[in-house]
N, C-alpha and C. Protein backbone atom coordinates (compact mmCIF):
# COMPACT_ATOMS: atom_id res chain seq x y z
N MET A 1 65.71 39.20 67.09
CA MET A 1 65.02 39.91 68.12
C MET A 1 64.59 41.29 67.58
N VAL A 2 63.43 41.72 68.02
CA VAL A 2 62.88 42.99 67.59
C VAL A 2 63.55 44.11 68.37
N ASP A 3 64.05 45.09 67.63
CA ASP A 3 64.71 46.19 68.33
C ASP A 3 63.72 47.30 68.67
N ILE A 4 64.19 48.26 69.40
CA ILE A 4 63.35 49.36 69.88
C ILE A 4 62.82 50.18 68.72
N ALA A 5 63.58 50.40 67.70
CA ALA A 5 63.15 51.20 66.55
C ALA A 5 61.97 50.54 65.85
N THR A 6 62.05 49.23 65.65
CA THR A 6 60.97 48.50 65.00
C THR A 6 59.70 48.55 65.85
N THR A 7 59.86 48.36 67.14
CA THR A 7 58.73 48.42 68.06
C THR A 7 58.09 49.80 68.03
N SER A 8 58.90 50.84 67.99
CA SER A 8 58.39 52.21 67.95
C SER A 8 57.61 52.46 66.67
N ILE A 9 58.11 51.93 65.55
CA ILE A 9 57.43 52.10 64.27
C ILE A 9 56.08 51.39 64.29
N VAL A 10 56.03 50.20 64.83
CA VAL A 10 54.77 49.44 64.93
C VAL A 10 53.78 50.18 65.80
N ILE A 11 54.23 50.66 66.94
CA ILE A 11 53.34 51.39 67.87
C ILE A 11 52.83 52.67 67.21
N ALA A 12 53.73 53.40 66.53
CA ALA A 12 53.33 54.64 65.86
C ALA A 12 52.32 54.33 64.75
N SER A 13 52.57 53.26 64.00
CA SER A 13 51.65 52.87 62.93
C SER A 13 50.27 52.51 63.46
N ILE A 14 50.25 51.79 64.56
CA ILE A 14 48.96 51.45 65.19
C ILE A 14 48.24 52.72 65.64
N GLY A 15 48.97 53.67 66.18
CA GLY A 15 48.38 54.95 66.59
C GLY A 15 47.80 55.72 65.42
N VAL A 16 48.54 55.77 64.31
CA VAL A 16 48.06 56.46 63.12
C VAL A 16 46.82 55.75 62.58
N LEU A 17 46.84 54.43 62.54
CA LEU A 17 45.68 53.67 62.06
C LEU A 17 44.46 53.93 62.93
N ALA A 18 44.66 53.94 64.24
CA ALA A 18 43.55 54.22 65.16
C ALA A 18 43.00 55.63 64.93
N ALA A 19 43.87 56.59 64.70
CA ALA A 19 43.42 57.97 64.45
C ALA A 19 42.63 58.05 63.15
N VAL A 20 43.08 57.36 62.10
CA VAL A 20 42.37 57.36 60.82
C VAL A 20 40.99 56.72 60.97
N VAL A 21 40.92 55.59 61.65
CA VAL A 21 39.64 54.91 61.87
C VAL A 21 38.70 55.82 62.67
N SER A 22 39.22 56.46 63.70
CA SER A 22 38.41 57.37 64.51
C SER A 22 37.91 58.54 63.67
N PHE A 23 38.78 59.09 62.84
CA PHE A 23 38.39 60.21 61.98
C PHE A 23 37.30 59.78 61.00
N LEU A 24 37.46 58.62 60.36
CA LEU A 24 36.46 58.15 59.41
C LEU A 24 35.12 57.89 60.10
N TYR A 25 35.16 57.35 61.29
CA TYR A 25 33.94 57.13 62.05
C TYR A 25 33.24 58.45 62.34
N GLU A 26 34.01 59.46 62.73
CA GLU A 26 33.43 60.77 63.05
C GLU A 26 32.85 61.43 61.80
N VAL A 27 33.53 61.30 60.66
CA VAL A 27 33.01 61.86 59.41
C VAL A 27 31.68 61.19 59.06
N ARG A 28 31.61 59.89 59.21
CA ARG A 28 30.38 59.16 58.91
C ARG A 28 29.26 59.58 59.87
N ARG A 29 29.58 59.71 61.14
CA ARG A 29 28.59 60.14 62.12
C ARG A 29 28.06 61.52 61.80
N GLN A 30 28.94 62.44 61.43
CA GLN A 30 28.53 63.80 61.07
C GLN A 30 27.64 63.78 59.83
N SER A 31 27.97 62.94 58.87
CA SER A 31 27.17 62.83 57.65
C SER A 31 25.77 62.33 57.98
N ARG A 32 25.67 61.34 58.85
CA ARG A 32 24.36 60.81 59.24
C ARG A 32 23.55 61.86 60.00
N MET A 33 24.22 62.65 60.83
CA MET A 33 23.52 63.72 61.56
C MET A 33 22.97 64.76 60.57
N LYS A 34 23.77 65.11 59.56
CA LYS A 34 23.32 66.08 58.56
C LYS A 34 22.13 65.53 57.77
N GLN A 35 22.16 64.24 57.45
CA GLN A 35 21.04 63.62 56.76
C GLN A 35 19.78 63.68 57.62
N SER A 36 19.94 63.35 58.89
CA SER A 36 18.78 63.40 59.81
C SER A 36 18.24 64.82 59.91
N GLU A 37 19.12 65.79 60.04
CA GLU A 37 18.69 67.19 60.12
C GLU A 37 17.97 67.61 58.84
N SER A 38 18.47 67.16 57.69
CA SER A 38 17.83 67.51 56.42
C SER A 38 16.42 66.94 56.36
N ILE A 39 16.26 65.70 56.76
CA ILE A 39 14.93 65.09 56.76
C ILE A 39 14.01 65.84 57.71
N MET A 40 14.52 66.21 58.86
CA MET A 40 13.70 66.95 59.83
C MET A 40 13.26 68.30 59.25
N LYS A 41 14.16 68.97 58.54
CA LYS A 41 13.82 70.26 57.94
C LYS A 41 12.82 70.10 56.80
N LEU A 42 12.96 69.02 56.03
CA LEU A 42 12.06 68.79 54.90
C LEU A 42 10.69 68.28 55.35
N SER A 43 10.59 67.85 56.57
CA SER A 43 9.35 67.27 57.10
C SER A 43 8.75 68.20 58.14
N PRO A 44 7.90 69.13 57.72
CA PRO A 44 7.37 70.11 58.68
C PRO A 44 6.56 69.48 59.81
N TRP A 45 6.01 68.29 59.58
CA TRP A 45 5.20 67.64 60.61
C TRP A 45 6.05 67.20 61.80
N PHE A 46 7.37 67.17 61.66
CA PHE A 46 8.21 66.85 62.81
C PHE A 46 8.31 68.03 63.78
N ASN A 47 7.82 69.17 63.36
CA ASN A 47 7.93 70.38 64.19
C ASN A 47 6.67 70.70 64.97
N ILE A 48 5.71 69.79 64.99
CA ILE A 48 4.50 70.07 65.77
C ILE A 48 4.75 69.71 67.23
N SER A 49 4.03 70.39 68.09
CA SER A 49 4.22 70.18 69.53
C SER A 49 3.59 68.86 69.98
N ALA A 50 3.93 68.46 71.18
CA ALA A 50 3.37 67.23 71.76
C ALA A 50 1.85 67.34 71.89
N ILE A 51 1.36 68.51 72.27
CA ILE A 51 -0.08 68.70 72.41
C ILE A 51 -0.76 68.60 71.05
N GLU A 52 -0.17 69.24 70.03
CA GLU A 52 -0.73 69.15 68.68
C GLU A 52 -0.72 67.70 68.18
N MET A 53 0.35 66.98 68.49
CA MET A 53 0.42 65.58 68.06
C MET A 53 -0.66 64.76 68.75
N GLN A 54 -0.85 64.98 70.03
CA GLN A 54 -1.88 64.24 70.76
C GLN A 54 -3.26 64.53 70.18
N GLU A 55 -3.54 65.80 69.91
CA GLU A 55 -4.83 66.15 69.31
C GLU A 55 -4.99 65.52 67.94
N THR A 56 -3.92 65.50 67.18
CA THR A 56 -3.95 64.89 65.84
C THR A 56 -4.27 63.41 65.93
N ILE A 57 -3.59 62.73 66.84
CA ILE A 57 -3.83 61.29 67.02
C ILE A 57 -5.27 61.03 67.43
N VAL A 58 -5.77 61.78 68.40
CA VAL A 58 -7.14 61.56 68.89
C VAL A 58 -8.15 61.81 67.78
N LYS A 59 -8.00 62.91 67.05
CA LYS A 59 -8.97 63.23 66.00
C LYS A 59 -8.89 62.23 64.85
N ALA A 60 -7.68 61.89 64.45
CA ALA A 60 -7.56 60.94 63.33
C ALA A 60 -8.08 59.57 63.73
N CYS A 61 -7.73 59.12 64.91
CA CYS A 61 -8.12 57.77 65.32
C CYS A 61 -9.59 57.67 65.70
N SER A 62 -10.28 58.80 65.85
CA SER A 62 -11.72 58.76 66.14
C SER A 62 -12.56 58.69 64.86
N MET A 63 -11.90 58.76 63.73
CA MET A 63 -12.63 58.67 62.45
C MET A 63 -13.18 57.27 62.26
N GLU A 64 -14.38 57.21 61.71
CA GLU A 64 -15.02 55.91 61.43
C GLU A 64 -15.43 55.89 59.97
N PHE A 65 -15.07 54.80 59.29
CA PHE A 65 -15.41 54.64 57.89
C PHE A 65 -15.35 53.16 57.54
N GLU A 66 -16.04 52.79 56.50
CA GLU A 66 -16.09 51.40 56.06
C GLU A 66 -14.95 51.06 55.11
N ASP A 67 -14.67 51.99 54.17
CA ASP A 67 -13.65 51.76 53.16
C ASP A 67 -13.20 53.13 52.65
N TYR A 68 -12.37 53.13 51.62
CA TYR A 68 -11.82 54.38 51.10
C TYR A 68 -12.92 55.31 50.59
N ASP A 69 -13.87 54.77 49.87
CA ASP A 69 -14.96 55.61 49.35
C ASP A 69 -15.76 56.26 50.49
N ASP A 70 -16.06 55.49 51.52
CA ASP A 70 -16.78 56.02 52.68
C ASP A 70 -15.95 57.09 53.38
N TYR A 71 -14.65 56.86 53.48
CA TYR A 71 -13.73 57.85 54.06
C TYR A 71 -13.81 59.17 53.29
N LEU A 72 -13.78 59.08 51.96
CA LEU A 72 -13.85 60.29 51.15
C LEU A 72 -15.17 61.03 51.32
N VAL A 73 -16.25 60.28 51.35
CA VAL A 73 -17.58 60.91 51.52
C VAL A 73 -17.65 61.65 52.85
N LYS A 74 -17.15 61.02 53.90
CA LYS A 74 -17.28 61.60 55.25
C LYS A 74 -16.25 62.68 55.56
N TYR A 75 -15.03 62.57 55.01
CA TYR A 75 -13.95 63.40 55.51
C TYR A 75 -13.21 64.25 54.48
N ARG A 76 -13.49 64.09 53.20
CA ARG A 76 -12.77 64.88 52.19
C ARG A 76 -12.96 66.37 52.46
N GLY A 77 -11.84 67.07 52.52
CA GLY A 77 -11.88 68.52 52.73
C GLY A 77 -12.17 68.96 54.15
N LYS A 78 -12.27 68.04 55.05
CA LYS A 78 -12.59 68.37 56.45
C LYS A 78 -11.31 68.30 57.30
N PRO A 79 -11.36 68.91 58.48
CA PRO A 79 -10.17 68.90 59.36
C PRO A 79 -9.67 67.50 59.69
N GLU A 80 -10.57 66.54 59.78
CA GLU A 80 -10.15 65.17 60.10
C GLU A 80 -9.23 64.60 59.01
N GLN A 81 -9.52 64.93 57.76
CA GLN A 81 -8.66 64.46 56.68
C GLN A 81 -7.27 65.07 56.81
N THR A 82 -7.21 66.34 57.17
CA THR A 82 -5.93 66.99 57.39
C THR A 82 -5.19 66.33 58.55
N MET A 83 -5.92 66.02 59.61
CA MET A 83 -5.29 65.35 60.76
C MET A 83 -4.70 64.00 60.35
N PHE A 84 -5.45 63.25 59.56
CA PHE A 84 -4.92 61.97 59.09
C PHE A 84 -3.65 62.18 58.27
N LYS A 85 -3.66 63.15 57.37
CA LYS A 85 -2.50 63.39 56.52
C LYS A 85 -1.28 63.81 57.34
N VAL A 86 -1.49 64.65 58.33
CA VAL A 86 -0.37 65.05 59.20
C VAL A 86 0.19 63.83 59.92
N LEU A 87 -0.68 63.03 60.48
CA LEU A 87 -0.24 61.84 61.21
C LEU A 87 0.45 60.85 60.28
N ALA A 88 -0.12 60.62 59.12
CA ALA A 88 0.47 59.68 58.16
C ALA A 88 1.85 60.16 57.72
N ASN A 89 1.99 61.44 57.46
CA ASN A 89 3.28 61.97 57.04
C ASN A 89 4.30 61.94 58.18
N TYR A 90 3.85 62.13 59.39
CA TYR A 90 4.75 62.01 60.55
C TYR A 90 5.29 60.58 60.64
N TYR A 91 4.40 59.62 60.54
CA TYR A 91 4.82 58.21 60.59
C TYR A 91 5.68 57.86 59.38
N GLU A 92 5.35 58.42 58.24
CA GLU A 92 6.16 58.19 57.03
C GLU A 92 7.57 58.72 57.25
N GLY A 93 7.67 59.90 57.85
CA GLY A 93 8.99 60.47 58.13
C GLY A 93 9.81 59.60 59.07
N MET A 94 9.16 59.07 60.11
CA MET A 94 9.87 58.16 61.01
C MET A 94 10.30 56.91 60.25
N GLY A 95 9.44 56.45 59.36
CA GLY A 95 9.79 55.28 58.56
C GLY A 95 11.01 55.55 57.68
N VAL A 96 11.09 56.74 57.11
CA VAL A 96 12.26 57.11 56.30
C VAL A 96 13.51 57.10 57.17
N LEU A 97 13.43 57.70 58.35
CA LEU A 97 14.59 57.75 59.24
C LEU A 97 15.05 56.34 59.62
N VAL A 98 14.13 55.46 59.91
CA VAL A 98 14.48 54.08 60.26
C VAL A 98 15.03 53.35 59.03
N HIS A 99 14.38 53.53 57.88
CA HIS A 99 14.82 52.87 56.65
C HIS A 99 16.26 53.26 56.30
N ARG A 100 16.59 54.52 56.48
CA ARG A 100 17.94 54.99 56.17
C ARG A 100 18.92 54.78 57.32
N ARG A 101 18.43 54.12 58.35
CA ARG A 101 19.23 53.79 59.54
C ARG A 101 19.80 55.05 60.22
N LEU A 102 18.99 56.11 60.17
CA LEU A 102 19.35 57.35 60.84
C LEU A 102 18.72 57.41 62.23
N MET A 103 17.80 56.51 62.47
CA MET A 103 17.16 56.38 63.78
C MET A 103 17.02 54.90 64.07
N ASP A 104 17.26 54.54 65.30
CA ASP A 104 17.20 53.14 65.70
C ASP A 104 15.76 52.66 65.79
N VAL A 105 15.46 51.57 65.11
CA VAL A 105 14.11 51.04 65.07
C VAL A 105 13.61 50.66 66.46
N ASP A 106 14.48 50.18 67.32
CA ASP A 106 14.06 49.81 68.68
C ASP A 106 13.58 51.02 69.47
N ILE A 107 14.25 52.14 69.32
CA ILE A 107 13.83 53.35 70.03
C ILE A 107 12.47 53.81 69.53
N VAL A 108 12.30 53.83 68.22
CA VAL A 108 11.01 54.24 67.65
C VAL A 108 9.92 53.27 68.10
N TYR A 109 10.22 51.99 68.10
CA TYR A 109 9.22 51.00 68.53
C TYR A 109 8.84 51.22 69.99
N ASP A 110 9.83 51.44 70.83
CA ASP A 110 9.55 51.63 72.26
C ASP A 110 8.63 52.83 72.50
N PHE A 111 8.81 53.89 71.73
CA PHE A 111 7.97 55.07 71.90
C PHE A 111 6.64 54.98 71.17
N TRP A 112 6.63 54.41 69.96
CA TRP A 112 5.49 54.54 69.07
C TRP A 112 4.89 53.24 68.58
N GLY A 113 5.46 52.10 68.93
CA GLY A 113 5.08 50.83 68.35
C GLY A 113 3.60 50.57 68.23
N ASP A 114 2.90 50.51 69.34
CA ASP A 114 1.49 50.13 69.31
C ASP A 114 0.61 51.13 68.56
N ILE A 115 0.87 52.42 68.75
CA ILE A 115 0.02 53.42 68.09
C ILE A 115 0.27 53.44 66.59
N ILE A 116 1.51 53.24 66.17
CA ILE A 116 1.79 53.22 64.73
C ILE A 116 1.13 52.00 64.09
N ILE A 117 1.19 50.87 64.77
CA ILE A 117 0.56 49.66 64.23
C ILE A 117 -0.96 49.82 64.19
N SER A 118 -1.56 50.26 65.28
CA SER A 118 -3.03 50.35 65.32
C SER A 118 -3.55 51.41 64.35
N THR A 119 -2.82 52.51 64.21
CA THR A 119 -3.24 53.54 63.26
C THR A 119 -3.14 53.01 61.84
N TRP A 120 -2.07 52.26 61.54
CA TRP A 120 -1.95 51.65 60.21
C TRP A 120 -3.13 50.71 59.95
N GLU A 121 -3.44 49.88 60.93
CA GLU A 121 -4.54 48.93 60.75
C GLU A 121 -5.85 49.65 60.48
N GLN A 122 -6.05 50.77 61.14
CA GLN A 122 -7.28 51.54 60.91
C GLN A 122 -7.29 52.17 59.52
N PHE A 123 -6.15 52.71 59.10
CA PHE A 123 -6.12 53.49 57.86
C PHE A 123 -5.55 52.75 56.65
N GLU A 124 -5.23 51.48 56.80
CA GLU A 124 -4.71 50.74 55.66
C GLU A 124 -5.65 50.79 54.45
N PRO A 125 -6.97 50.66 54.64
CA PRO A 125 -7.86 50.77 53.47
C PRO A 125 -7.77 52.14 52.79
N VAL A 126 -7.56 53.17 53.58
CA VAL A 126 -7.43 54.52 53.03
C VAL A 126 -6.14 54.63 52.22
N VAL A 127 -5.05 54.12 52.78
CA VAL A 127 -3.76 54.17 52.09
C VAL A 127 -3.84 53.37 50.79
N ARG A 128 -4.45 52.19 50.84
CA ARG A 128 -4.59 51.37 49.63
C ARG A 128 -5.43 52.11 48.58
N GLY A 129 -6.49 52.78 49.04
CA GLY A 129 -7.31 53.57 48.12
C GLY A 129 -6.54 54.73 47.51
N MET A 130 -5.73 55.39 48.32
CA MET A 130 -4.90 56.49 47.82
C MET A 130 -3.92 55.98 46.78
N ARG A 131 -3.31 54.84 47.05
CA ARG A 131 -2.35 54.27 46.11
C ARG A 131 -3.02 53.96 44.77
N LYS A 132 -4.21 53.37 44.86
CA LYS A 132 -4.94 53.01 43.64
C LYS A 132 -5.35 54.26 42.88
N GLU A 133 -5.91 55.22 43.60
CA GLU A 133 -6.38 56.45 42.97
C GLU A 133 -5.24 57.23 42.31
N GLN A 134 -4.09 57.25 42.96
CA GLN A 134 -2.95 58.00 42.44
C GLN A 134 -2.10 57.17 41.48
N GLY A 135 -2.37 55.86 41.42
CA GLY A 135 -1.56 55.00 40.57
C GLY A 135 -0.12 54.91 41.04
N ASP A 136 0.05 55.03 42.36
CA ASP A 136 1.40 55.06 42.93
C ASP A 136 1.48 54.11 44.12
N PRO A 137 2.05 52.93 43.93
CA PRO A 137 2.13 51.96 45.02
C PRO A 137 3.09 52.36 46.14
N SER A 138 3.81 53.45 45.95
CA SER A 138 4.78 53.86 46.98
C SER A 138 4.21 54.85 48.00
N VAL A 139 2.95 55.23 47.84
CA VAL A 139 2.34 56.17 48.78
C VAL A 139 2.42 55.59 50.20
N LEU A 140 3.05 56.32 51.08
CA LEU A 140 3.21 55.96 52.50
C LEU A 140 3.87 54.59 52.70
N MET A 141 4.77 54.23 51.80
CA MET A 141 5.42 52.91 51.87
C MET A 141 6.35 52.79 53.07
N PHE A 142 6.93 53.91 53.52
CA PHE A 142 7.85 53.82 54.66
C PHE A 142 7.09 53.62 55.97
N TRP A 143 5.88 54.14 56.04
CA TRP A 143 5.03 53.87 57.20
C TRP A 143 4.69 52.39 57.22
N GLU A 144 4.29 51.86 56.07
CA GLU A 144 3.95 50.44 56.00
C GLU A 144 5.16 49.57 56.35
N SER A 145 6.32 49.93 55.85
CA SER A 145 7.54 49.18 56.16
C SER A 145 7.85 49.21 57.65
N LEU A 146 7.64 50.36 58.27
CA LEU A 146 7.84 50.49 59.71
C LEU A 146 6.90 49.57 60.47
N VAL A 147 5.66 49.51 60.04
CA VAL A 147 4.68 48.63 60.68
C VAL A 147 5.11 47.17 60.57
N LYS A 148 5.61 46.78 59.41
CA LYS A 148 6.07 45.40 59.24
C LYS A 148 7.21 45.08 60.20
N GLU A 149 8.14 46.00 60.35
CA GLU A 149 9.24 45.79 61.30
C GLU A 149 8.72 45.72 62.73
N PHE A 150 7.77 46.59 63.05
CA PHE A 150 7.21 46.61 64.40
C PHE A 150 6.46 45.32 64.72
N ARG A 151 5.76 44.78 63.75
CA ARG A 151 5.04 43.52 63.99
C ARG A 151 6.02 42.40 64.31
N VAL A 152 7.14 42.37 63.63
CA VAL A 152 8.17 41.37 63.93
C VAL A 152 8.70 41.58 65.34
N LYS A 153 8.96 42.83 65.70
CA LYS A 153 9.46 43.13 67.04
C LYS A 153 8.43 42.73 68.10
N ARG A 154 7.17 43.02 67.84
CA ARG A 154 6.12 42.69 68.81
C ARG A 154 6.04 41.18 69.01
N GLN A 155 6.17 40.41 67.93
CA GLN A 155 6.16 38.95 68.05
C GLN A 155 7.34 38.47 68.88
N LYS A 156 8.50 39.07 68.69
CA LYS A 156 9.68 38.68 69.46
C LYS A 156 9.49 39.01 70.94
N TYR A 157 8.93 40.20 71.23
CA TYR A 157 8.67 40.58 72.61
C TYR A 157 7.67 39.63 73.27
N GLU A 158 6.61 39.31 72.53
CA GLU A 158 5.58 38.41 73.08
C GLU A 158 6.12 37.00 73.27
N ALA A 159 7.03 36.58 72.42
CA ALA A 159 7.63 35.24 72.55
C ALA A 159 8.51 35.15 73.80
N LYS A 160 9.07 36.29 74.22
CA LYS A 160 9.94 36.31 75.40
C LYS A 160 9.14 36.26 76.70
N LYS A 161 7.86 36.62 76.64
CA LYS A 161 7.04 36.67 77.86
C LYS A 161 6.79 35.31 78.42
């Protein structure tokens, strides 16, 4: 038969184990928060206001071009090009946060899903042109990755309807 001393040791051990697990969870949570804060500080486009973001989206999405070369002819050095870059970097930053699992993809999708997908579809030729011109296939890769995840989510949502 188990005596009181043994039972007390087991209960105390379970308590210590629970405290250690709780502590490790909190340390991990704090680390993830610091990572998120670092990304936010390194990404100045996360600090624009809602009105500035709305204006950026409207101006960037009103651009019309046939391909990357046409985009450059029409918009190189103009405010619209800056608006596109701000928007692309904002979406890239969200993609980084989702990729590093510092932000939940479902939350980002619920807020930004359709606009991120449609903006990608509009500017994909520009991004591909930038990648080719710079010789860097990783240009805006986190935005593209986010779009791929969103398309899967959209298919799942539509299948449920």
